[in-house]
């Protein structure tokens, strides 16, 4: 593989997993719930949910459905709000791999 060429500089765009994690954390906090309670309802460990919220893990569709359900959200609502967050940010650098 070749070098990556930065065509435009600026703030980089966040990863999808970071945007989804932020939405999960914001919704959990809005509801006044603890990670342990939401994780238990979703059937996963509090550590894993914490990693999802911090954008460190890429959740499968099954995991997104479980956590969304535990927060009484649909996957559609969660992904739509994450997409809106991404769309509201300034565009970052455009790179081409040569």
PDB file of N, CA and C in Angstrom:
ATOM      1  N   UNK A   1       0.834  -1.180   0.000  1.00  0.00           N
ATOM      2  CA  UNK A   1       0.000   0.000   0.000  1.00  0.00           C
ATOM      3  C   UNK A   1       0.880   1.245   0.000  1.00  0.00           C
ATOM      4  N   UNK A   2       0.377   2.274  -0.582  1.00  0.00           N
ATOM      5  CA  UNK A   2       1.137   3.512  -0.675  1.00  0.00           C
ATOM      6  C   UNK A   2       0.907   4.427   0.509  1.00  0.00           C
ATOM      7  N   UNK A   3       1.403   5.621   0.361  1.00  0.00           N
ATOM      8  CA  UNK A   3       1.261   6.624   1.406  1.00  0.00           C
ATOM      9  C   UNK A   3      -0.138   7.229   1.376  1.00  0.00           C
ATOM     10  N   UNK A   4      -0.547   7.779   2.513  1.00  0.00           N
ATOM     11  CA  UNK A   4      -1.807   8.503   2.608  1.00  0.00           C
ATOM     12  C   UNK A   4      -1.496   9.973   2.406  1.00  0.00           C
ATOM     13  N   UNK A   5      -2.237  10.614   1.513  1.00  0.00           N
ATOM     14  CA  UNK A   5      -2.018  12.018   1.186  1.00  0.00           C
ATOM     15  C   UNK A   5      -3.175  12.830   1.743  1.00  0.00           C
ATOM     16  N   UNK A   6      -2.884  13.790   2.598  1.00  0.00           N
ATOM     17  CA  UNK A   6      -3.923  14.654   3.158  1.00  0.00           C
ATOM     18  C   UNK A   6      -4.180  15.777   2.169  1.00  0.00           C
ATOM     19  N   UNK A   7      -5.423  15.865   1.692  1.00  0.00           N
ATOM     20  CA  UNK A   7      -5.783  16.891   0.719  1.00  0.00           C
ATOM     21  C   UNK A   7      -6.301  18.160   1.380  1.00  0.00           C
ATOM     22  N   UNK A   8      -6.908  18.032   2.545  1.00  0.00           N
ATOM     23  CA  UNK A   8      -7.476  19.189   3.233  1.00  0.00           C
ATOM     24  C   UNK A   8      -7.252  18.973   4.724  1.00  0.00           C
ATOM     25  N   UNK A   9      -6.812  19.988   5.409  1.00  0.00           N
ATOM     26  CA  UNK A   9      -6.557  19.852   6.840  1.00  0.00           C
ATOM     27  C   UNK A   9      -7.729  20.376   7.642  1.00  0.00           C
ATOM     28  N   UNK A  10      -7.753  20.027   8.892  1.00  0.00           N
ATOM     29  CA  UNK A  10      -8.810  20.459   9.797  1.00  0.00           C
ATOM     30  C   UNK A  10      -9.050  19.389  10.835  1.00  0.00           C
ATOM     31  N   UNK A  11     -10.067  19.579  11.623  1.00  0.00           N
ATOM     32  CA  UNK A  11     -10.421  18.624  12.660  1.00  0.00           C
ATOM     33  C   UNK A  11     -10.901  17.332  12.007  1.00  0.00           C
ATOM     34  N   UNK A  12     -10.409  16.208  12.490  1.00  0.00           N
ATOM     35  CA  UNK A  12     -10.806  14.942  11.886  1.00  0.00           C
ATOM     36  C   UNK A  12     -12.229  14.567  12.303  1.00  0.00           C
ATOM     37  N   UNK A  13     -12.887  13.839  11.445  1.00  0.00           N
ATOM     38  CA  UNK A  13     -14.252  13.398  11.687  1.00  0.00           C
ATOM     39  C   UNK A  13     -14.229  12.240  12.674  1.00  0.00           C
ATOM     40  N   UNK A  14     -15.154  12.225  13.642  1.00  0.00           N
ATOM     41  CA  UNK A  14     -15.151  11.137  14.616  1.00  0.00           C
ATOM     42  C   UNK A  14     -15.572   9.821  13.972  1.00  0.00           C
ATOM     43  N   UNK A  15     -15.136   8.744  14.556  1.00  0.00           N
ATOM     44  CA  UNK A  15     -15.526   7.421  14.089  1.00  0.00           C
ATOM     45  C   UNK A  15     -16.985   7.161  14.441  1.00  0.00           C
ATOM     46  N   UNK A  16     -17.614   6.284  13.669  1.00  0.00           N
ATOM     47  CA  UNK A  16     -19.008   5.911  13.902  1.00  0.00           C
ATOM     48  C   UNK A  16     -19.184   5.357  15.317  1.00  0.00           C
ATOM     49  N   UNK A  17     -18.246   4.503  15.743  1.00  0.00           N
ATOM     50  CA  UNK A  17     -18.375   3.890  17.070  1.00  0.00           C
ATOM     51  C   UNK A  17     -18.318   4.947  18.172  1.00  0.00           C
ATOM     52  N   UNK A  18     -17.591   6.032  17.948  1.00  0.00           N
ATOM     53  CA  UNK A  18     -17.514   7.111  18.931  1.00  0.00           C
ATOM     54  C   UNK A  18     -18.852   7.852  18.994  1.00  0.00           C
ATOM     55  N   UNK A  19     -19.443   8.112  17.833  1.00  0.00           N
ATOM     56  CA  UNK A  19     -20.739   8.810  17.790  1.00  0.00           C
ATOM     57  C   UNK A  19     -21.835   7.959  18.429  1.00  0.00           C
ATOM     58  N   UNK A  20     -21.847   6.663  18.137  1.00  0.00           N
ATOM     59  CA  UNK A  20     -22.850   5.774  18.737  1.00  0.00           C
ATOM     60  C   UNK A  20     -22.639   5.696  20.247  1.00  0.00           C
ATOM     61  N   UNK A  21     -21.390   5.557  20.660  1.00  0.00           N
ATOM     62  CA  UNK A  21     -21.090   5.497  22.087  1.00  0.00           C
ATOM     63  C   UNK A  21     -21.536   6.745  22.820  1.00  0.00           C
ATOM     64  N   UNK A  22     -21.306   7.886  22.203  1.00  0.00           N
ATOM     65  CA  UNK A  22     -21.727   9.155  22.816  1.00  0.00           C
ATOM     66  C   UNK A  22     -23.245   9.186  22.968  1.00  0.00           C
ATOM     67  N   UNK A  23     -23.965   8.719  21.974  1.00  0.00           N
ATOM     68  CA  UNK A  23     -25.424   8.714  22.049  1.00  0.00           C
ATOM     69  C   UNK A  23     -25.908   7.765  23.146  1.00  0.00           C
ATOM     70  N   UNK A  24     -25.265   6.604  23.259  1.00  0.00           N
ATOM     71  CA  UNK A  24     -25.637   5.658  24.316  1.00  0.00           C
ATOM     72  C   UNK A  24     -25.420   6.284  25.692  1.00  0.00           C
ATOM     73  N   UNK A  25     -24.253   6.871  25.889  1.00  0.00           N
ATOM     74  CA  UNK A  25     -23.929   7.484  27.176  1.00  0.00           C
ATOM     75  C   UNK A  25     -24.882   8.647  27.483  1.00  0.00           C
ATOM     76  N   UNK A  26     -25.125   9.499  26.492  1.00  0.00           N
ATOM     77  CA  UNK A  26     -26.020  10.637  26.708  1.00  0.00           C
ATOM     78  C   UNK A  26     -27.424  10.174  27.088  1.00  0.00           C
ATOM     79  N   UNK A  27     -27.922   9.160  26.404  1.00  0.00           N
ATOM     80  CA  UNK A  27     -29.270   8.658  26.705  1.00  0.00           C
ATOM     81  C   UNK A  27     -29.318   8.019  28.091  1.00  0.00           C
ATOM     82  N   UNK A  28     -28.307   7.245  28.435  1.00  0.00           N
ATOM     83  CA  UNK A  28     -28.271   6.617  29.765  1.00  0.00           C
ATOM     84  C   UNK A  28     -28.248   7.691  30.848  1.00  0.00           C
ATOM     85  N   UNK A  29     -27.406   8.687  30.670  1.00  0.00           N
ATOM     86  CA  UNK A  29     -27.325   9.770  31.659  1.00  0.00           C
ATOM     87  C   UNK A  29     -28.607  10.583  31.711  1.00  0.00           C
ATOM     88  N   UNK A  30     -29.208  10.830  30.555  1.00  0.00           N
ATOM     89  CA  UNK A  30     -30.475  11.571  30.513  1.00  0.00           C
ATOM     90  C   UNK A  30     -31.540  10.858  31.332  1.00  0.00           C
ATOM     91  N   UNK A  31     -31.498   9.547  31.294  1.00  0.00           N
ATOM     92  CA  UNK A  31     -32.458   8.738  32.042  1.00  0.00           C
ATOM     93  C   UNK A  31     -32.065   8.577  33.507  1.00  0.00           C
ATOM     94  N   UNK A  32     -30.869   9.029  33.878  1.00  0.00           N
ATOM     95  CA  UNK A  32     -30.404   8.921  35.256  1.00  0.00           C
ATOM     96  C   UNK A  32     -30.075   7.500  35.672  1.00  0.00           C
ATOM     97  N   UNK A  33     -29.597   6.700  34.726  1.00  0.00           N
ATOM     98  CA  UNK A  33     -29.321   5.296  35.013  1.00  0.00           C
ATOM     99  C   UNK A  33     -27.833   5.015  35.139  1.00  0.00           C
ATOM    100  N   UNK A  34     -27.524   3.964  35.866  1.00  0.00           N
ATOM    101  CA  UNK A  34     -26.141   3.523  36.030  1.00  0.00           C
ATOM    102  C   UNK A  34     -25.779   2.538  34.923  1.00  0.00           C
ATOM    103  N   UNK A  35     -24.495   2.488  34.601  1.00  0.00           N
ATOM    104  CA  UNK A  35     -24.015   1.529  33.590  1.00  0.00           C
ATOM    105  C   UNK A  35     -24.399   0.108  33.976  1.00  0.00           C
ATOM    106  N   UNK A  36     -24.253  -0.231  35.242  1.00  0.00           N
ATOM    107  CA  UNK A  36     -24.526  -1.612  35.664  1.00  0.00           C
ATOM    108  C   UNK A  36     -25.976  -2.004  35.419  1.00  0.00           C
ATOM    109  N   UNK A  37     -26.903  -1.077  35.631  1.00  0.00           N
ATOM    110  CA  UNK A  37     -28.317  -1.390  35.426  1.00  0.00           C
ATOM    111  C   UNK A  37     -28.637  -1.605  33.953  1.00  0.00           C
ATOM    112  N   UNK A  38     -28.139  -0.714  33.109  1.00  0.00           N
ATOM    113  CA  UNK A  38     -28.397  -0.839  31.666  1.00  0.00           C
ATOM    114  C   UNK A  38     -27.715  -2.088  31.118  1.00  0.00           C
ATOM    115  N   UNK A  39     -26.489  -2.333  31.543  1.00  0.00           N
ATOM    116  CA  UNK A  39     -25.754  -3.517  31.072  1.00  0.00           C
ATOM    117  C   UNK A  39     -26.490  -4.795  31.465  1.00  0.00           C
ATOM    118  N   UNK A  40     -26.991  -4.850  32.667  1.00  0.00           N
ATOM    119  CA  UNK A  40     -27.714  -6.041  33.112  1.00  0.00           C
ATOM    120  C   UNK A  40     -28.947  -6.288  32.254  1.00  0.00           C
ATOM    121  N   UNK A  41     -29.716  -5.237  31.993  1.00  0.00           N
ATOM    122  CA  UNK A  41     -30.914  -5.398  31.147  1.00  0.00           C
ATOM    123  C   UNK A  41     -30.549  -5.803  29.725  1.00  0.00           C
ATOM    124  N   UNK A  42     -29.404  -5.312  29.239  1.00  0.00           N
ATOM    125  CA  UNK A  42     -28.971  -5.626  27.873  1.00  0.00           C
ATOM    126  C   UNK A  42     -28.304  -6.992  27.775  1.00  0.00           C
ATOM    127  N   UNK A  43     -27.944  -7.571  28.917  1.00  0.00           N
ATOM    128  CA  UNK A  43     -27.301  -8.882  28.906  1.00  0.00           C
ATOM    129  C   UNK A  43     -25.824  -8.835  28.561  1.00  0.00           C
ATOM    130  N   UNK A  44     -25.158  -7.762  28.955  1.00  0.00           N
ATOM    131  CA  UNK A  44     -23.721  -7.675  28.723  1.00  0.00           C
ATOM    132  C   UNK A  44     -23.041  -7.118  29.960  1.00  0.00           C
ATOM    133  N   UNK A  45     -21.733  -7.177  29.978  1.00  0.00           N
ATOM    134  CA  UNK A  45     -21.001  -6.739  31.167  1.00  0.00           C
ATOM    135  C   UNK A  45     -20.941  -5.209  31.231  1.00  0.00           C
ATOM    136  N   UNK A  46     -20.880  -4.681  32.443  1.00  0.00           N
ATOM    137  CA  UNK A  46     -20.729  -3.227  32.579  1.00  0.00           C
ATOM    138  C   UNK A  46     -19.442  -2.728  31.906  1.00  0.00           C
ATOM    139  N   UNK A  47     -18.391  -3.528  31.953  1.00  0.00           N
ATOM    140  CA  UNK A  47     -17.131  -3.137  31.320  1.00  0.00           C
ATOM    141  C   UNK A  47     -17.304  -2.976  29.816  1.00  0.00           C
ATOM    142  N   UNK A  48     -18.038  -3.918  29.195  1.00  0.00           N
ATOM    143  CA  UNK A  48     -18.250  -3.840  27.749  1.00  0.00           C
ATOM    144  C   UNK A  48     -19.090  -2.610  27.399  1.00  0.00           C
ATOM    145  N   UNK A  49     -20.141  -2.361  28.174  1.00  0.00           N
ATOM    146  CA  UNK A  49     -20.973  -1.178  27.913  1.00  0.00           C
ATOM    147  C   UNK A  49     -20.147   0.095  28.073  1.00  0.00           C
ATOM    148  N   UNK A  50     -19.285   0.136  29.078  1.00  0.00           N
ATOM    149  CA  UNK A  50     -18.414   1.286  29.258  1.00  0.00           C
ATOM    150  C   UNK A  50     -17.514   1.492  28.046  1.00  0.00           C
ATOM    151  N   UNK A  51     -16.976   0.404  27.507  1.00  0.00           N
ATOM    152  CA  UNK A  51     -16.128   0.502  26.311  1.00  0.00           C
ATOM    153  C   UNK A  51     -16.933   0.965  25.100  1.00  0.00           C
ATOM    154  N   UNK A  52     -18.181   0.516  24.987  1.00  0.00           N
ATOM    155  CA  UNK A  52     -19.049   0.997  23.904  1.00  0.00           C
ATOM    156  C   UNK A  52     -19.281   2.494  24.039  1.00  0.00           C
ATOM    157  N   UNK A  53     -19.608   2.934  25.241  1.00  0.00           N
ATOM    158  CA  UNK A  53     -19.893   4.348  25.464  1.00  0.00           C
ATOM    159  C   UNK A  53     -18.680   5.232  25.190  1.00  0.00           C
ATOM    160  N   UNK A  54     -17.498   4.713  25.424  1.00  0.00           N
ATOM    161  CA  UNK A  54     -16.278   5.495  25.184  1.00  0.00           C
ATOM    162  C   UNK A  54     -15.777   5.351  23.753  1.00  0.00           C
ATOM    163  N   UNK A  55     -16.491   4.613  22.913  1.00  0.00           N
ATOM    164  CA  UNK A  55     -16.111   4.473  21.514  1.00  0.00           C
ATOM    165  C   UNK A  55     -14.910   3.573  21.289  1.00  0.00           C
ATOM    166  N   UNK A  56     -14.650   2.674  22.230  1.00  0.00           N
ATOM    167  CA  UNK A  56     -13.493   1.788  22.107  1.00  0.00           C
ATOM    168  C   UNK A  56     -13.826   0.471  21.411  1.00  0.00           C
ATOM    169  N   UNK A  57     -15.100   0.139  21.332  1.00  0.00           N
ATOM    170  CA  UNK A  57     -15.538  -1.115  20.709  1.00  0.00           C
ATOM    171  C   UNK A  57     -16.518  -0.817  19.589  1.00  0.00           C
ATOM    172  N   UNK A  58     -16.427  -1.624  18.534  1.00  0.00           N
ATOM    173  CA  UNK A  58     -17.401  -1.581  17.443  1.00  0.00           C
ATOM    174  C   UNK A  58     -18.487  -2.603  17.753  1.00  0.00           C
ATOM    175  N   UNK A  59     -19.675  -2.162  18.145  1.00  0.00           N
ATOM    176  CA  UNK A  59     -20.717  -3.122  18.509  1.00  0.00           C
ATOM    177  C   UNK A  59     -21.327  -3.800  17.290  1.00  0.00           C
ATOM    178  N   UNK A  60     -21.689  -5.056  17.473  1.00  0.00           N
ATOM    179  CA  UNK A  60     -22.429  -5.768  16.422  1.00  0.00           C
ATOM    180  C   UNK A  60     -23.862  -5.242  16.409  1.00  0.00           C
ATOM    181  N   UNK A  61     -24.597  -5.597  15.391  1.00  0.00           N
ATOM    182  CA  UNK A  61     -25.997  -5.161  15.321  1.00  0.00           C
ATOM    183  C   UNK A  61     -26.803  -5.758  16.471  1.00  0.00           C
ATOM    184  N   UNK A  62     -26.446  -6.962  16.896  1.00  0.00           N
ATOM    185  CA  UNK A  62     -27.127  -7.598  18.022  1.00  0.00           C
ATOM    186  C   UNK A  62     -26.876  -6.827  19.316  1.00  0.00           C
ATOM    187  N   UNK A  63     -25.646  -6.375  19.509  1.00  0.00           N
ATOM    188  CA  UNK A  63     -25.311  -5.601  20.705  1.00  0.00           C
ATOM    189  C   UNK A  63     -26.026  -4.247  20.690  1.00  0.00           C
ATOM    190  N   UNK A  64     -26.051  -3.610  19.523  1.00  0.00           N
ATOM    191  CA  UNK A  64     -26.777  -2.335  19.419  1.00  0.00           C
ATOM    192  C   UNK A  64     -28.254  -2.520  19.752  1.00  0.00           C
ATOM    193  N   UNK A  65     -28.833  -3.604  19.261  1.00  0.00           N
ATOM    194  CA  UNK A  65     -30.242  -3.876  19.540  1.00  0.00           C
ATOM    195  C   UNK A  65     -30.462  -4.120  21.028  1.00  0.00           C
ATOM    196  N   UNK A  66     -29.556  -4.852  21.669  1.00  0.00           N
ATOM    197  CA  UNK A  66     -29.696  -5.153  23.092  1.00  0.00           C
ATOM    198  C   UNK A  66     -29.595  -3.887  23.940  1.00  0.00           C
ATOM    199  N   UNK A  67     -28.600  -3.063  23.666  1.00  0.00           N
ATOM    200  CA  UNK A  67     -28.413  -1.847  24.457  1.00  0.00           C
ATOM    201  C   UNK A  67     -29.528  -0.844  24.156  1.00  0.00           C
ATOM    202  N   UNK A  68     -29.893  -0.712  22.899  1.00  0.00           N
ATOM    203  CA  UNK A  68     -30.999   0.189  22.549  1.00  0.00           C
ATOM    204  C   UNK A  68     -32.271  -0.230  23.276  1.00  0.00           C
ATOM    205  N   UNK A  69     -32.547  -1.520  23.241  1.00  0.00           N
ATOM    206  CA  UNK A  69     -33.739  -2.026  23.928  1.00  0.00           C
ATOM    207  C   UNK A  69     -33.701  -1.765  25.420  1.00  0.00           C
ATOM    208  N   UNK A  70     -32.521  -1.927  26.021  1.00  0.00           N
ATOM    209  CA  UNK A  70     -32.373  -1.671  27.457  1.00  0.00           C
ATOM    210  C   UNK A  70     -32.621  -0.207  27.780  1.00  0.00           C
ATOM    211  N   UNK A  71     -32.397   0.672  26.818  1.00  0.00           N
ATOM    212  CA  UNK A  71     -32.642   2.107  26.997  1.00  0.00           C
ATOM    213  C   UNK A  71     -33.993   2.539  26.443  1.00  0.00           C
ATOM    214  N   UNK A  72     -34.806   1.554  26.049  1.00  0.00           N
ATOM    215  CA  UNK A  72     -36.135   1.794  25.485  1.00  0.00           C
ATOM    216  C   UNK A  72     -36.074   2.664  24.231  1.00  0.00           C
ATOM    217  N   UNK A  73     -35.050   2.410  23.414  1.00  0.00           N
ATOM    218  CA  UNK A  73     -34.888   3.059  22.116  1.00  0.00           C
ATOM    219  C   UNK A  73     -34.923   1.999  21.037  1.00  0.00           C
ATOM    220  N   UNK A  74     -35.245   2.390  19.829  1.00  0.00           N
ATOM    221  CA  UNK A  74     -35.073   1.487  18.698  1.00  0.00           C
ATOM    222  C   UNK A  74     -33.661   1.689  18.149  1.00  0.00           C
ATOM    223  N   UNK A  75     -33.167   0.709  17.435  1.00  0.00           N
ATOM    224  CA  UNK A  75     -31.858   0.869  16.794  1.00  0.00           C
ATOM    225  C   UNK A  75     -31.915   2.046  15.828  1.00  0.00           C
ATOM    226  N   UNK A  76     -33.047   2.211  15.179  1.00  0.00           N
ATOM    227  CA  UNK A  76     -33.219   3.326  14.248  1.00  0.00           C
ATOM    228  C   UNK A  76     -33.042   4.667  14.962  1.00  0.00           C
ATOM    229  N   UNK A  77     -33.672   4.831  16.117  1.00  0.00           N
ATOM    230  CA  UNK A  77     -33.542   6.087  16.859  1.00  0.00           C
ATOM    231  C   UNK A  77     -32.094   6.342  17.269  1.00  0.00           C
ATOM    232  N   UNK A  78     -31.430   5.285  17.730  1.00  0.00           N
ATOM    233  CA  UNK A  78     -30.037   5.428  18.158  1.00  0.00           C
ATOM    234  C   UNK A  78     -29.136   5.807  16.992  1.00  0.00           C
ATOM    235  N   UNK A  79     -29.250   5.085  15.886  1.00  0.00           N
ATOM    236  CA  UNK A  79     -28.366   5.350  14.754  1.00  0.00           C
ATOM    237  C   UNK A  79     -28.699   6.679  14.079  1.00  0.00           C
ATOM    238  N   UNK A  80     -29.976   7.059  14.079  1.00  0.00           N
ATOM    239  CA  UNK A  80     -30.352   8.358  13.513  1.00  0.00           C
ATOM    240  C   UNK A  80     -29.725   9.491  14.313  1.00  0.00           C
ATOM    241  N   UNK A  81     -29.789   9.401  15.643  1.00  0.00           N
ATOM    242  CA  UNK A  81     -29.207  10.470  16.455  1.00  0.00           C
ATOM    243  C   UNK A  81     -27.688  10.491  16.334  1.00  0.00           C
ATOM    244  N   UNK A  82     -27.059   9.323  16.206  1.00  0.00           N
ATOM    245  CA  UNK A  82     -25.605   9.289  15.994  1.00  0.00           C
ATOM    246  C   UNK A  82     -25.261   9.899  14.636  1.00  0.00           C
ATOM    247  N   UNK A  83     -26.061   9.583  13.619  1.00  0.00           N
ATOM    248  CA  UNK A  83     -25.841  10.157  12.292  1.00  0.00           C
ATOM    249  C   UNK A  83     -26.016  11.663  12.278  1.00  0.00           C
ATOM    250  N   UNK A  84     -26.998  12.156  13.022  1.00  0.00           N
ATOM    251  CA  UNK A  84     -27.209  13.598  13.106  1.00  0.00           C
ATOM    252  C   UNK A  84     -26.030  14.275  13.793  1.00  0.00           C
ATOM    253  N   UNK A  85     -25.480  13.604  14.800  1.00  0.00           N
ATOM    254  CA  UNK A  85     -24.305  14.155  15.473  1.00  0.00           C
ATOM    255  C   UNK A  85     -23.141  14.262  14.487  1.00  0.00           C
ATOM    256  N   UNK A  86     -22.924  13.212  13.709  1.00  0.00           N
ATOM    257  CA  UNK A  86     -21.834  13.237  12.729  1.00  0.00           C
ATOM    258  C   UNK A  86     -22.067  14.308  11.668  1.00  0.00           C
ATOM    259  N   UNK A  87     -23.313  14.439  11.212  1.00  0.00           N
ATOM    260  CA  UNK A  87     -23.627  15.415  10.163  1.00  0.00           C
ATOM    261  C   UNK A  87     -23.460  16.842  10.642  1.00  0.00           C
ATOM    262  N   UNK A  88     -23.612  17.070  11.934  1.00  0.00           N
ATOM    263  CA  UNK A  88     -23.515  18.429  12.456  1.00  0.00           C
ATOM    264  C   UNK A  88     -22.072  18.893  12.637  1.00  0.00           C
ATOM    265  N   UNK A  89     -21.145  17.977  12.570  1.00  0.00           N
ATOM    266  CA  UNK A  89     -19.735  18.327  12.757  1.00  0.00           C
ATOM    267  C   UNK A  89     -19.131  18.826  11.454  1.00  0.00           C
ATOM    268  N   UNK A  90     -18.097  19.631  11.593  1.00  0.00           N
ATOM    269  CA  UNK A  90     -17.368  20.091  10.400  1.00  0.00           C
ATOM    270  C   UNK A  90     -16.674  18.910   9.759  1.00  0.00           C
ATOM    271  N   UNK A  91     -16.541  18.961   8.511  1.00  0.00           N
ATOM    272  CA  UNK A  91     -15.834  17.927   7.776  1.00  0.00           C
ATOM    273  C   UNK A  91     -14.352  18.001   8.059  1.00  0.00           C
ATOM    274  N   UNK A  92     -13.734  16.849   8.240  1.00  0.00           N
ATOM    275  CA  UNK A  92     -12.312  16.772   8.519  1.00  0.00           C
ATOM    276  C   UNK A  92     -11.516  16.618   7.247  1.00  0.00           C
ATOM    277  N   UNK A  93     -10.292  16.168   7.363  1.00  0.00           N
ATOM    278  CA  UNK A  93      -9.425  16.047   6.197  1.00  0.00           C
ATOM    279  C   UNK A  93      -9.918  14.962   5.246  1.00  0.00           C
ATOM    280  N   UNK A  94      -9.670  15.169   4.004  1.00  0.00           N
ATOM    281  CA  UNK A  94      -9.954  14.164   2.992  1.00  0.00           C
ATOM    282  C   UNK A  94      -8.627  13.534   2.623  1.00  0.00           C
ATOM    283  N   UNK A  95      -8.563  12.218   2.700  1.00  0.00           N
ATOM    284  CA  UNK A  95      -7.318  11.532   2.422  1.00  0.00           C
ATOM    285  C   UNK A  95      -7.498  10.531   1.273  1.00  0.00           C
ATOM    286  N   UNK A  96      -6.472  10.379   0.503  1.00  0.00           N
ATOM    287  CA  UNK A  96      -6.437   9.365  -0.543  1.00  0.00           C
ATOM    288  C   UNK A  96      -5.299   8.418  -0.246  1.00  0.00           C
ATOM    289  N   UNK A  97      -5.548   7.131  -0.346  1.00  0.00           N
ATOM    290  CA  UNK A  97      -4.469   6.153  -0.173  1.00  0.00           C
ATOM    291  C   UNK A  97      -3.955   5.813  -1.578  1.00  0.00           C
ATOM    292  N   UNK A  98      -2.675   5.956  -1.770  1.00  0.00           N
ATOM    293  CA  UNK A  98      -2.109   5.698  -3.083  1.00  0.00           C
ATOM    294  C   UNK A  98      -1.491   4.310  -3.138  1.00  0.00           C
TER     295      UNK A  98
END
